Amino acid sequence: MPKTSISIIPTSNDTILKFEADRFLTDHNSFEFNNIDDAKNSPLAQQLFHLPFVKKVYIASNFVAIERYNIVEWSDVQDEVAEQIEKYLSNDGVVVTEVAIKPKAAVTVYAESTPNPSVLKFVCNKVLVPNLYEFGSIEEAKPSPLATELFQFPFVKNVFIEKNYISITKFDIIEWEEITLQLRKFIKSFVESGKTILNNDAPKQLNKTEEAIEKKFEALDDTSKNIVNILEEYVKPAVASDGGNIEFRSYDENTKKVEVLLQGACSGCPSSTFTLKNGIENMLKEMLNDNAITVNAING
């Protein structure tokens, strides 16, 4: 197995530190362990509880979060802990046993319309992916077995997966009422059977690890950072409810031109493109107090 890399990610609670892997550790399940007995189904958590300062271990899709007792500071021990986790995972150590993973709640999937008539949103009652992923072809979809199988349907044009939903764009050769039930049943069956939604190395391969996202943000100039924060807080929640996403691409301080990428249901919908472009442009002009700002919205 290739070497696993661990990044140390601070949290808002100074007693809790995240150790993020560049691959998935669980099949998008989350586990919390309060002591070594509690962790009987997680050899990794058991090993960590042998460290005297470990109070609680939380394991999610691609990270391990550890809460410490106040007998040490993280700055004194974090590198050793990261190295220990890295070594354990690189040696193909078991994260959680099948016994821990087995109990699964019933999966429900329902279809929801979007402002884009070519796109339908399929909402699931469990988290599917830690970050958003968009695939425009079966070739692009290689990191995602779920997206790859969806592209086997001849009417699927684009697959957009975020948190707990999948937005599917169809070709105009067929109407939604003819295929909605088929797609809903397929997604429900796929998720329920515990099949892999994203390959373990997908976050690293597609530059979607938390570390990569943070690094990209930190490289931006101050105005670009402000624009990203405005989009995150005021625009993304609204478009996510419609099955889409807005991704910041660039800002040119000389021309005052902002470029954003429309994804999922926002992409390819003329009315959405016009409304979003104008809405974002007006919001940025007002919030950044600069009437020279223009927005170019590109369809993903």
C-alpha atoms as a PDB file:
ATOM      1  CA  MET A   1       0.000   0.000   0.000  1.00  0.00           C
ATOM      2  CA  PRO A   2       1.354   3.491  -0.820  1.00  0.00           C
ATOM      3  CA  LYS A   3       2.521   5.663   2.060  1.00  0.00           C
ATOM      4  CA  THR A   4      -0.235   7.662   3.734  1.00  0.00           C
ATOM      5  CA  SER A   5       0.473  11.312   4.408  1.00  0.00           C
ATOM      6  CA  ILE A   6      -0.904  13.081   7.499  1.00  0.00           C
ATOM      7  CA  SER A   7      -1.479  16.838   7.790  1.00  0.00           C
ATOM      8  CA  ILE A   8      -2.000  18.520  11.155  1.00  0.00           C
ATOM      9  CA  ILE A   9      -5.092  20.771  11.105  1.00  0.00           C
ATOM     10  CA  PRO A  10      -5.919  23.021  14.100  1.00  0.00           C
ATOM     11  CA  THR A  11      -9.557  23.372  15.206  1.00  0.00           C
ATOM     12  CA  SER A  12     -11.449  26.124  17.014  1.00  0.00           C
ATOM     13  CA  ASN A  13     -11.017  24.119  20.233  1.00  0.00           C
ATOM     14  CA  ASP A  14      -7.360  24.213  21.330  1.00  0.00           C
ATOM     15  CA  THR A  15      -7.652  20.821  23.084  1.00  0.00           C
ATOM     16  CA  ILE A  16      -8.725  19.120  19.831  1.00  0.00           C
ATOM     17  CA  LEU A  17      -6.442  18.573  16.853  1.00  0.00           C
ATOM     18  CA  LYS A  18      -7.277  17.005  13.486  1.00  0.00           C
ATOM     19  CA  PHE A  19      -4.881  14.667  11.722  1.00  0.00           C
ATOM     20  CA  GLU A  20      -6.021  14.609   8.097  1.00  0.00           C
ATOM     21  CA  ALA A  21      -5.043  11.760   5.779  1.00  0.00           C
ATOM     22  CA  ASP A  22      -4.616  12.113   2.024  1.00  0.00           C
ATOM     23  CA  ARG A  23      -7.015   9.189   1.529  1.00  0.00           C
ATOM     24  CA  PHE A  24     -10.293   7.996   3.004  1.00  0.00           C
ATOM     25  CA  LEU A  25     -10.095   6.040   6.265  1.00  0.00           C
ATOM     26  CA  THR A  26     -13.707   4.915   6.624  1.00  0.00           C
ATOM     27  CA  ASP A  27     -16.473   4.497   4.102  1.00  0.00           C
ATOM     28  CA  HIS A  28     -17.855   7.932   5.060  1.00  0.00           C
ATOM     29  CA  ASN A  29     -18.873   6.657   8.499  1.00  0.00           C
ATOM     30  CA  SER A  30     -18.005   8.535  11.697  1.00  0.00           C
ATOM     31  CA  PHE A  31     -16.983   7.023  15.029  1.00  0.00           C
ATOM     32  CA  GLU A  32     -16.420   8.526  18.473  1.00  0.00           C
ATOM     33  CA  PHE A  33     -14.519   6.708  21.210  1.00  0.00           C
ATOM     34  CA  ASN A  34     -14.355   7.894  24.827  1.00  0.00           C
ATOM     35  CA  ASN A  35     -11.903   5.336  26.236  1.00  0.00           C
ATOM     36  CA  ILE A  36      -9.895   2.231  25.308  1.00  0.00           C
ATOM     37  CA  ASP A  37     -12.783  -0.168  26.076  1.00  0.00           C
ATOM     38  CA  ASP A  38     -15.135   1.913  23.984  1.00  0.00           C
ATOM     39  CA  ALA A  39     -12.613   1.574  21.133  1.00  0.00           C
ATOM     40  CA  LYS A  40     -12.622  -2.243  21.000  1.00  0.00           C
ATOM     41  CA  ASN A  41     -13.714  -2.148  17.334  1.00  0.00           C
ATOM     42  CA  SER A  42     -11.015   0.323  16.315  1.00  0.00           C
ATOM     43  CA  PRO A  43      -7.416  -0.934  16.573  1.00  0.00           C
ATOM     44  CA  LEU A  44      -6.196   2.535  15.570  1.00  0.00           C
ATOM     45  CA  ALA A  45      -8.152   4.289  18.353  1.00  0.00           C
ATOM     46  CA  GLN A  46      -7.018   1.650  20.862  1.00  0.00           C
ATOM     47  CA  GLN A  47      -3.398   2.330  19.967  1.00  0.00           C
ATOM     48  CA  LEU A  48      -3.927   6.079  20.402  1.00  0.00           C
ATOM     49  CA  PHE A  49      -5.503   5.580  23.852  1.00  0.00           C
ATOM     50  CA  HIS A  50      -2.192   4.144  25.025  1.00  0.00           C
ATOM     51  CA  LEU A  51      -0.889   7.700  24.872  1.00  0.00           C
ATOM     52  CA  PRO A  52      -1.524   9.087  28.408  1.00  0.00           C
ATOM     53  CA  PHE A  53      -2.798  12.478  27.209  1.00  0.00           C
ATOM     54  CA  VAL A  54      -5.495  11.155  24.847  1.00  0.00           C
ATOM     55  CA  LYS A  55      -8.979  11.868  26.222  1.00  0.00           C
ATOM     56  CA  LYS A  56     -11.207  11.162  23.200  1.00  0.00           C
ATOM     57  CA  VAL A  57     -10.732   9.882  19.626  1.00  0.00           C
ATOM     58  CA  TYR A  58     -13.030  10.761  16.748  1.00  0.00           C
ATOM     59  CA  ILE A  59     -12.569   9.060  13.355  1.00  0.00           C
ATOM     60  CA  ALA A  60     -14.377  10.355  10.270  1.00  0.00           C
ATOM     61  CA  SER A  61     -14.090   9.841   6.510  1.00  0.00           C
ATOM     62  CA  ASN A  62     -10.546  11.176   6.009  1.00  0.00           C
ATOM     63  CA  PHE A  63      -9.297  12.306   9.410  1.00  0.00           C
ATOM     64  CA  VAL A  64      -8.670  11.415  13.040  1.00  0.00           C
ATOM     65  CA  ALA A  65      -9.488  14.091  15.622  1.00  0.00           C
ATOM     66  CA  ILE A  66      -8.021  13.743  19.102  1.00  0.00           C
ATOM     67  CA  GLU A  67      -9.032  15.583  22.266  1.00  0.00           C
ATOM     68  CA  ARG A  68      -6.204  15.845  24.798  1.00  0.00           C
ATOM     69  CA  TYR A  69      -6.085  16.127  28.571  1.00  0.00           C
ATOM     70  CA  ASN A  70      -4.428  19.302  29.828  1.00  0.00           C
ATOM     71  CA  ILE A  71      -1.287  17.504  30.988  1.00  0.00           C
ATOM     72  CA  VAL A  72       0.466  18.409  27.710  1.00  0.00           C
ATOM     73  CA  GLU A  73       0.292  21.047  24.966  1.00  0.00           C
ATOM     74  CA  TRP A  74      -0.307  19.925  21.385  1.00  0.00           C
ATOM     75  CA  SER A  75       2.815  21.777  20.245  1.00  0.00           C
ATOM     76  CA  ASP A  76       4.917  19.342  22.316  1.00  0.00           C
ATOM     77  CA  VAL A  77       3.424  16.102  20.993  1.00  0.00           C
ATOM     78  CA  GLN A  78       1.558  16.721  17.706  1.00  0.00           C
ATOM     79  CA  ASP A  79       4.430  15.750  15.382  1.00  0.00           C
ATOM     80  CA  GLU A  80       4.960  12.432  17.178  1.00  0.00           C
ATOM     81  CA  VAL A  81       1.227  11.659  17.054  1.00  0.00           C
ATOM     82  CA  ALA A  82       1.061  12.514  13.334  1.00  0.00           C
ATOM     83  CA  GLU A  83       4.071  10.269  12.697  1.00  0.00           C
ATOM     84  CA  GLN A  84       2.485   7.410  14.672  1.00  0.00           C
ATOM     85  CA  ILE A  85      -0.804   7.641  12.734  1.00  0.00           C
ATOM     86  CA  GLU A  86       1.068   7.943   9.432  1.00  0.00           C
ATOM     87  CA  LYS A  87       3.162   4.862  10.176  1.00  0.00           C
ATOM     88  CA  TYR A  88       0.127   2.842  11.305  1.00  0.00           C
ATOM     89  CA  LEU A  89      -1.886   3.675   8.177  1.00  0.00           C
ATOM     90  CA  SER A  90       1.073   3.192   5.820  1.00  0.00           C
ATOM     91  CA  ASN A  91       1.481  -0.324   7.231  1.00  0.00           C
ATOM     92  CA  ASP A  92      -2.143  -1.008   6.278  1.00  0.00           C
ATOM     93  CA  GLY A  93      -3.313  -0.962   9.915  1.00  0.00           C
ATOM     94  CA  VAL A  94      -7.039  -1.519  10.504  1.00  0.00           C
ATOM     95  CA  VAL A  95      -8.880   1.734  11.243  1.00  0.00           C
ATOM     96  CA  VAL A  96     -12.228   0.248  12.289  1.00  0.00           C
ATOM     97  CA  THR A  97     -13.345  -3.379  12.113  1.00  0.00           C
ATOM     98  CA  GLU A  98     -16.229  -4.596   9.973  1.00  0.00           C
ATOM     99  CA  VAL A  99     -18.222  -5.159  13.163  1.00  0.00           C
ATOM    100  CA  ALA A 100     -18.150  -1.403  13.834  1.00  0.00           C
ATOM    101  CA  ILE A 101     -19.146  -0.555  10.280  1.00  0.00           C
ATOM    102  CA  LYS A 102     -21.935  -3.135   9.928  1.00  0.00           C
ATOM    103  CA  PRO A 103     -24.883  -1.439  11.648  1.00  0.00           C
ATOM    104  CA  LYS A 104     -26.300   0.811   8.937  1.00  0.00           C
ATOM    105  CA  ALA A 105     -29.379   2.969   9.173  1.00  0.00           C
ATOM    106  CA  ALA A 106     -31.852   2.645   6.318  1.00  0.00           C
ATOM    107  CA  VAL A 107     -30.872   4.888   3.415  1.00  0.00           C
ATOM    108  CA  THR A 108     -33.490   7.212   1.993  1.00  0.00           C
ATOM    109  CA  VAL A 109     -33.114   9.113  -1.284  1.00  0.00           C
ATOM    110  CA  TYR A 110     -35.606  11.620  -2.657  1.00  0.00           C
ATOM    111  CA  ALA A 111     -35.609  13.670  -5.857  1.00  0.00           C
ATOM    112  CA  GLU A 112     -35.886  17.451  -5.762  1.00  0.00           C
ATOM    113  CA  SER A 113     -36.377  19.799  -8.715  1.00  0.00           C
ATOM    114  CA  THR A 114     -33.933  22.662  -9.340  1.00  0.00           C
ATOM    115  CA  PRO A 115     -34.271  25.978 -11.225  1.00  0.00           C
ATOM    116  CA  ASN A 116     -32.466  24.273 -14.107  1.00  0.00           C
ATOM    117  CA  PRO A 117     -34.946  22.001 -15.977  1.00  0.00           C
ATOM    118  CA  SER A 118     -32.072  19.777 -17.146  1.00  0.00           C
ATOM    119  CA  VAL A 119     -30.914  19.058 -13.567  1.00  0.00           C
ATOM    120  CA  LEU A 120     -32.497  17.007 -10.790  1.00  0.00           C
ATOM    121  CA  LYS A 121     -31.150  16.829  -7.246  1.00  0.00           C
ATOM    122  CA  PHE A 122     -31.125  13.461  -5.422  1.00  0.00           C
ATOM    123  CA  VAL A 123     -30.891  14.025  -1.658  1.00  0.00           C
ATOM    124  CA  CYS A 124     -29.663  11.286   0.670  1.00  0.00           C
ATOM    125  CA  ASN A 125     -30.073  11.012   4.464  1.00  0.00           C
ATOM    126  CA  LYS A 126     -26.343  10.360   4.957  1.00  0.00           C
ATOM    127  CA  VAL A 127     -23.136  12.168   4.087  1.00  0.00           C
ATOM    128  CA  LEU A 128     -21.730  10.951   0.779  1.00  0.00           C
ATOM    129  CA  VAL A 129     -18.546  13.017   0.329  1.00  0.00           C
ATOM    130  CA  PRO A 130     -16.529  15.470   2.480  1.00  0.00           C
ATOM    131  CA  ASN A 131     -16.170  18.066  -0.308  1.00  0.00           C
ATOM    132  CA  LEU A 132     -17.860  18.729  -3.629  1.00  0.00           C
ATOM    133  CA  TYR A 133     -16.877  16.850  -6.775  1.00  0.00           C
ATOM    134  CA  GLU A 134     -18.078  17.450 -10.339  1.00  0.00           C
ATOM    135  CA  PHE A 135     -17.596  15.101 -13.276  1.00  0.00           C
ATOM    136  CA  GLY A 136     -18.401  15.999 -16.880  1.00  0.00           C
ATOM    137  CA  SER A 137     -17.637  12.628 -18.477  1.00  0.00           C
ATOM    138  CA  ILE A 138     -16.995   8.973 -17.682  1.00  0.00           C
ATOM    139  CA  GLU A 139     -13.277   9.657 -18.171  1.00  0.00           C
ATOM    140  CA  GLU A 140     -13.299  12.432 -15.540  1.00  0.00           C
ATOM    141  CA  ALA A 141     -15.339  10.209 -13.203  1.00  0.00           C
ATOM    142  CA  LYS A 142     -12.593   7.597 -12.676  1.00  0.00           C
ATOM    143  CA  PRO A 143     -11.952   8.675  -9.030  1.00  0.00           C
ATOM    144  CA  SER A 144     -15.631   7.991  -8.242  1.00  0.00           C
ATOM    145  CA  PRO A 145     -17.123   4.507  -8.753  1.00  0.00           C
ATOM    146  CA  LEU A 146     -20.607   5.975  -8.138  1.00  0.00           C
ATOM    147  CA  ALA A 147     -20.215   8.678 -10.802  1.00  0.00           C
ATOM    148  CA  THR A 148     -18.658   6.128 -13.188  1.00  0.00           C
ATOM    149  CA  GLU A 149     -21.716   3.877 -12.870  1.00  0.00           C
ATOM    150  CA  LEU A 150     -24.099   6.822 -13.300  1.00  0.00           C
ATOM    151  CA  PHE A 151     -22.428   7.634 -16.614  1.00  0.00           C
ATOM    152  CA  GLN A 152     -23.413   4.148 -17.816  1.00  0.00           C
ATOM    153  CA  PHE A 153     -26.927   5.574 -18.178  1.00  0.00           C
ATOM    154  CA  PRO A 154     -26.987   7.027 -21.736  1.00  0.00           C
ATOM    155  CA  PHE A 155     -28.984  10.082 -20.652  1.00  0.00           C
ATOM    156  CA  VAL A 156     -26.537  11.266 -17.923  1.00  0.00           C
ATOM    157  CA  LYS A 157     -24.544  14.304 -19.039  1.00  0.00           C
ATOM    158  CA  ASN A 158     -22.988  15.584 -15.782  1.00  0.00           C
ATOM    159  CA  VAL A 159     -22.675  14.376 -12.176  1.00  0.00           C
ATOM    160  CA  PHE A 160     -22.186  16.783  -9.267  1.00  0.00           C
ATOM    161  CA  ILE A 161     -21.776  15.300  -5.766  1.00  0.00           C
ATOM    162  CA  GLU A 162     -21.734  17.391  -2.607  1.00  0.00           C
ATOM    163  CA  LYS A 163     -22.138  16.398   1.054  1.00  0.00           C
ATOM    164  CA  ASN A 164     -25.487  14.568   1.056  1.00  0.00           C
ATOM    165  CA  TYR A 165     -26.800  15.020  -2.476  1.00  0.00           C
ATOM    166  CA  ILE A 166     -26.118  14.310  -6.145  1.00  0.00           C
ATOM    167  CA  SER A 167     -27.188  16.711  -8.897  1.00  0.00           C
ATOM    168  CA  ILE A 168     -27.555  14.952 -12.232  1.00  0.00           C
ATOM    169  CA  THR A 169     -27.720  16.817 -15.545  1.00  0.00           C
ATOM    170  CA  LYS A 170     -29.482  14.898 -18.321  1.00  0.00           C
ATOM    171  CA  PHE A 171     -29.328  15.143 -22.089  1.00  0.00           C
ATOM    172  CA  ASP A 172     -32.553  16.418 -23.665  1.00  0.00           C
ATOM    173  CA  ILE A 173     -33.288  13.043 -25.299  1.00  0.00           C
ATOM    174  CA  ILE A 174     -35.560  12.006 -22.422  1.00  0.00           C
ATOM    175  CA  GLU A 175     -37.914  13.513 -19.825  1.00  0.00           C
ATOM    176  CA  TRP A 176     -37.315  13.345 -16.054  1.00  0.00           C
ATOM    177  CA  GLU A 177     -40.580  11.510 -15.355  1.00  0.00           C
ATOM    178  CA  GLU A 178     -39.272   8.578 -17.398  1.00  0.00           C
ATOM    179  CA  ILE A 179     -36.002   8.176 -15.479  1.00  0.00           C
ATOM    180  CA  THR A 180     -36.343   9.735 -11.986  1.00  0.00           C
ATOM    181  CA  LEU A 181     -37.505   6.549 -10.237  1.00  0.00           C
ATOM    182  CA  GLN A 182     -34.807   4.478 -11.962  1.00  0.00           C
ATOM    183  CA  LEU A 183     -32.045   6.875 -10.843  1.00  0.00           C
ATOM    184  CA  ARG A 184     -33.426   7.194  -7.303  1.00  0.00           C
ATOM    185  CA  LYS A 185     -33.541   3.405  -6.872  1.00  0.00           C
ATOM    186  CA  PHE A 186     -30.045   3.017  -8.318  1.00  0.00           C
ATOM    187  CA  ILE A 187     -28.508   5.634  -5.962  1.00  0.00           C
ATOM    188  CA  LYS A 188     -30.344   4.205  -2.921  1.00  0.00           C
ATOM    189  CA  SER A 189     -29.174   0.665  -3.713  1.00  0.00           C
ATOM    190  CA  PHE A 190     -25.579   1.810  -4.358  1.00  0.00           C
ATOM    191  CA  VAL A 191     -25.300   3.736  -1.074  1.00  0.00           C
ATOM    192  CA  GLU A 192     -27.196   1.127   0.971  1.00  0.00           C
ATOM    193  CA  SER A 193     -24.913  -1.690  -0.152  1.00  0.00           C
ATOM    194  CA  GLY A 194     -21.877   0.247   1.124  1.00  0.00           C
ATOM    195  CA  LYS A 195     -20.183   0.503  -2.262  1.00  0.00           C
ATOM    196  CA  THR A 196     -17.340   2.977  -2.678  1.00  0.00           C
ATOM    197  CA  ILE A 197     -18.544   6.452  -3.606  1.00  0.00           C
ATOM    198  CA  LEU A 198     -15.065   7.973  -3.943  1.00  0.00           C
ATOM    199  CA  ASN A 199     -11.750   6.145  -4.168  1.00  0.00           C
ATOM    200  CA  ASN A 200      -9.456   6.598  -1.153  1.00  0.00           C
ATOM    201  CA  ASP A 201      -6.950   8.661  -3.105  1.00  0.00           C
ATOM    202  CA  ALA A 202      -9.568  10.952  -4.739  1.00  0.00           C
ATOM    203  CA  PRO A 203      -9.013  13.955  -2.412  1.00  0.00           C
ATOM    204  CA  LYS A 204      -5.265  13.883  -3.055  1.00  0.00           C
ATOM    205  CA  GLN A 205      -5.641  13.108  -6.764  1.00  0.00           C
ATOM    206  CA  LEU A 206      -8.111  15.954  -7.306  1.00  0.00           C
ATOM    207  CA  ASN A 207      -6.405  18.384  -4.911  1.00  0.00           C
ATOM    208  CA  LYS A 208      -9.389  18.373  -2.550  1.00  0.00           C
ATOM    209  CA  THR A 209      -7.720  17.722   0.814  1.00  0.00           C
ATOM    210  CA  GLU A 210      -8.346  20.343   3.511  1.00  0.00           C
ATOM    211  CA  GLU A 211      -4.667  21.215   3.402  1.00  0.00           C
ATOM    212  CA  ALA A 212      -4.766  21.812  -0.377  1.00  0.00           C
ATOM    213  CA  ILE A 213      -7.923  23.946  -0.111  1.00  0.00           C
ATOM    214  CA  GLU A 214      -6.395  26.015   2.722  1.00  0.00           C
ATOM    215  CA  LYS A 215      -3.130  26.428   0.826  1.00  0.00           C
ATOM    216  CA  LYS A 216      -4.985  27.656  -2.266  1.00  0.00           C
ATOM    217  CA  PHE A 217      -6.945  30.170  -0.165  1.00  0.00           C
ATOM    218  CA  GLU A 218      -3.844  31.490   1.628  1.00  0.00           C
ATOM    219  CA  ALA A 219      -2.139  32.149  -1.727  1.00  0.00           C
ATOM    220  CA  LEU A 220      -4.867  34.651  -2.701  1.00  0.00           C
ATOM    221  CA  ASP A 221      -4.599  38.421  -2.340  1.00  0.00           C
ATOM    222  CA  ASP A 222      -6.751  40.146   0.316  1.00  0.00           C
ATOM    223  CA  THR A 223      -9.538  41.233  -2.063  1.00  0.00           C
ATOM    224  CA  SER A 224      -9.808  37.713  -3.491  1.00  0.00           C
ATOM    225  CA  LYS A 225     -10.022  36.304   0.055  1.00  0.00           C
ATOM    226  CA  ASN A 226     -12.852  38.735   0.822  1.00  0.00           C
ATOM    227  CA  ILE A 227     -14.675  37.660  -2.344  1.00  0.00           C
ATOM    228  CA  VAL A 228     -14.285  33.964  -1.437  1.00  0.00           C
ATOM    229  CA  ASN A 229     -15.632  34.630   2.076  1.00  0.00           C
ATOM    230  CA  ILE A 230     -18.627  36.574   0.704  1.00  0.00           C
ATOM    231  CA  LEU A 231     -19.430  33.755  -1.734  1.00  0.00           C
ATOM    232  CA  GLU A 232     -19.092  31.143   1.054  1.00  0.00           C
ATOM    233  CA  GLU A 233     -21.348  33.002   3.478  1.00  0.00           C
ATOM    234  CA  TYR A 234     -23.994  34.634   1.298  1.00  0.00           C
ATOM    235  CA  VAL A 235     -24.151  32.841  -2.055  1.00  0.00           C
ATOM    236  CA  LYS A 236     -23.163  29.186  -1.664  1.00  0.00           C
ATOM    237  CA  PRO A 237     -25.854  28.161   0.873  1.00  0.00           C
ATOM    238  CA  ALA A 238     -28.589  29.464  -1.436  1.00  0.00           C
ATOM    239  CA  VAL A 239     -27.264  27.804  -4.593  1.00  0.00           C
ATOM    240  CA  ALA A 240     -26.512  24.555  -2.701  1.00  0.00           C
ATOM    241  CA  SER A 241     -30.205  24.302  -1.794  1.00  0.00           C
ATOM    242  CA  ASP A 242     -30.877  24.426  -5.544  1.00  0.00           C
ATOM    243  CA  GLY A 243     -28.347  21.662  -6.240  1.00  0.00           C
ATOM    244  CA  GLY A 244     -25.494  23.843  -7.481  1.00  0.00           C
ATOM    245  CA  ASN A 245     -22.304  25.593  -6.497  1.00  0.00           C
ATOM    246  CA  ILE A 246     -20.336  28.770  -7.216  1.00  0.00           C
ATOM    247  CA  GLU A 247     -16.558  28.438  -7.255  1.00  0.00           C
ATOM    248  CA  PHE A 248     -14.253  31.447  -7.222  1.00  0.00           C
ATOM    249  CA  ARG A 249     -11.762  31.304 -10.102  1.00  0.00           C
ATOM    250  CA  SER A 250      -9.932  34.653 -10.218  1.00  0.00           C
ATOM    251  CA  TYR A 251      -9.911  38.392  -9.553  1.00  0.00           C
ATOM    252  CA  ASP A 252      -7.948  40.911 -11.616  1.00  0.00           C
ATOM    253  CA  GLU A 253      -7.150  44.006  -9.555  1.00  0.00           C
ATOM    254  CA  ASN A 254      -6.447  46.061 -12.702  1.00  0.00           C
ATOM    255  CA  THR A 255      -9.694  45.353 -14.549  1.00  0.00           C
ATOM    256  CA  LYS A 256     -11.731  44.636 -11.350  1.00  0.00           C
ATOM    257  CA  LYS A 257     -13.067  41.536 -13.107  1.00  0.00           C
ATOM    258  CA  VAL A 258     -14.166  38.568 -10.999  1.00  0.00           C
ATOM    259  CA  GLU A 259     -14.486  35.147 -12.619  1.00  0.00           C
ATOM    260  CA  VAL A 260     -16.658  32.460 -11.031  1.00  0.00           C
ATOM    261  CA  LEU A 261     -17.456  28.911 -12.136  1.00  0.00           C
ATOM    262  CA  LEU A 262     -21.064  27.715 -12.051  1.00  0.00           C
ATOM    263  CA  GLN A 263     -21.409  24.026 -11.141  1.00  0.00           C
ATOM    264  CA  GLY A 264     -24.195  21.483 -10.786  1.00  0.00           C
ATOM    265  CA  ALA A 265     -27.684  22.905 -11.331  1.00  0.00           C
ATOM    266  CA  CYS A 266     -26.290  26.437 -11.792  1.00  0.00           C
ATOM    267  CA  SER A 267     -24.362  25.400 -14.890  1.00  0.00           C
ATOM    268  CA  GLY A 268     -25.937  25.682 -18.339  1.00  0.00           C
ATOM    269  CA  CYS A 269     -29.126  27.360 -17.146  1.00  0.00           C
ATOM    270  CA  PRO A 270     -29.430  30.725 -18.982  1.00  0.00           C
ATOM    271  CA  SER A 271     -31.766  32.304 -16.397  1.00  0.00           C
ATOM    272  CA  SER A 272     -29.587  31.084 -13.493  1.00  0.00           C
ATOM    273  CA  THR A 273     -26.430  32.377 -15.153  1.00  0.00           C
ATOM    274  CA  PHE A 274     -27.958  35.826 -15.727  1.00  0.00           C
ATOM    275  CA  THR A 275     -29.567  36.049 -12.268  1.00  0.00           C
ATOM    276  CA  LEU A 276     -26.496  34.795 -10.414  1.00  0.00           C
ATOM    277  CA  LYS A 277     -24.075  36.956 -12.363  1.00  0.00           C
ATOM    278  CA  ASN A 278     -26.064  40.103 -11.636  1.00  0.00           C
ATOM    279  CA  GLY A 279     -26.827  39.122  -8.050  1.00  0.00           C
ATOM    280  CA  ILE A 280     -23.186  38.370  -7.230  1.00  0.00           C
ATOM    281  CA  GLU A 281     -21.983  41.471  -9.048  1.00  0.00           C
ATOM    282  CA  ASN A 282     -24.349  43.760  -7.111  1.00  0.00           C
ATOM    283  CA  MET A 283     -23.484  42.083  -3.809  1.00  0.00           C
ATOM    284  CA  LEU A 284     -19.717  42.419  -4.359  1.00  0.00           C
ATOM    285  CA  LYS A 285     -20.044  46.058  -5.455  1.00  0.00           C
ATOM    286  CA  GLU A 286     -21.954  46.855  -2.276  1.00  0.00           C
ATOM    287  CA  MET A 287     -19.955  44.770   0.205  1.00  0.00           C
ATOM    288  CA  LEU A 288     -16.538  45.719  -1.182  1.00  0.00           C
ATOM    289  CA  ASN A 289     -17.654  49.318  -1.808  1.00  0.00           C
ATOM    290  CA  ASP A 290     -16.389  49.236  -5.387  1.00  0.00           C
ATOM    291  CA  ASN A 291     -18.766  49.951  -8.283  1.00  0.00           C
ATOM    292  CA  ALA A 292     -16.121  49.064 -10.865  1.00  0.00           C
ATOM    293  CA  ILE A 293     -16.354  45.335 -10.092  1.00  0.00           C
ATOM    294  CA  THR A 294     -17.780  43.107 -12.841  1.00  0.00           C
ATOM    295  CA  VAL A 295     -18.514  39.376 -12.713  1.00  0.00           C
ATOM    296  CA  ASN A 296     -17.998  36.821 -15.450  1.00  0.00           C
ATOM    297  CA  ALA A 297     -19.892  33.588 -14.751  1.00  0.00           C
ATOM    298  CA  ILE A 298     -18.559  30.529 -16.594  1.00  0.00           C
ATOM    299  CA  ASN A 299     -20.580  27.358 -16.963  1.00  0.00           C
ATOM    300  CA  GLY A 300     -18.764  24.315 -15.577  1.00  0.00           C
END
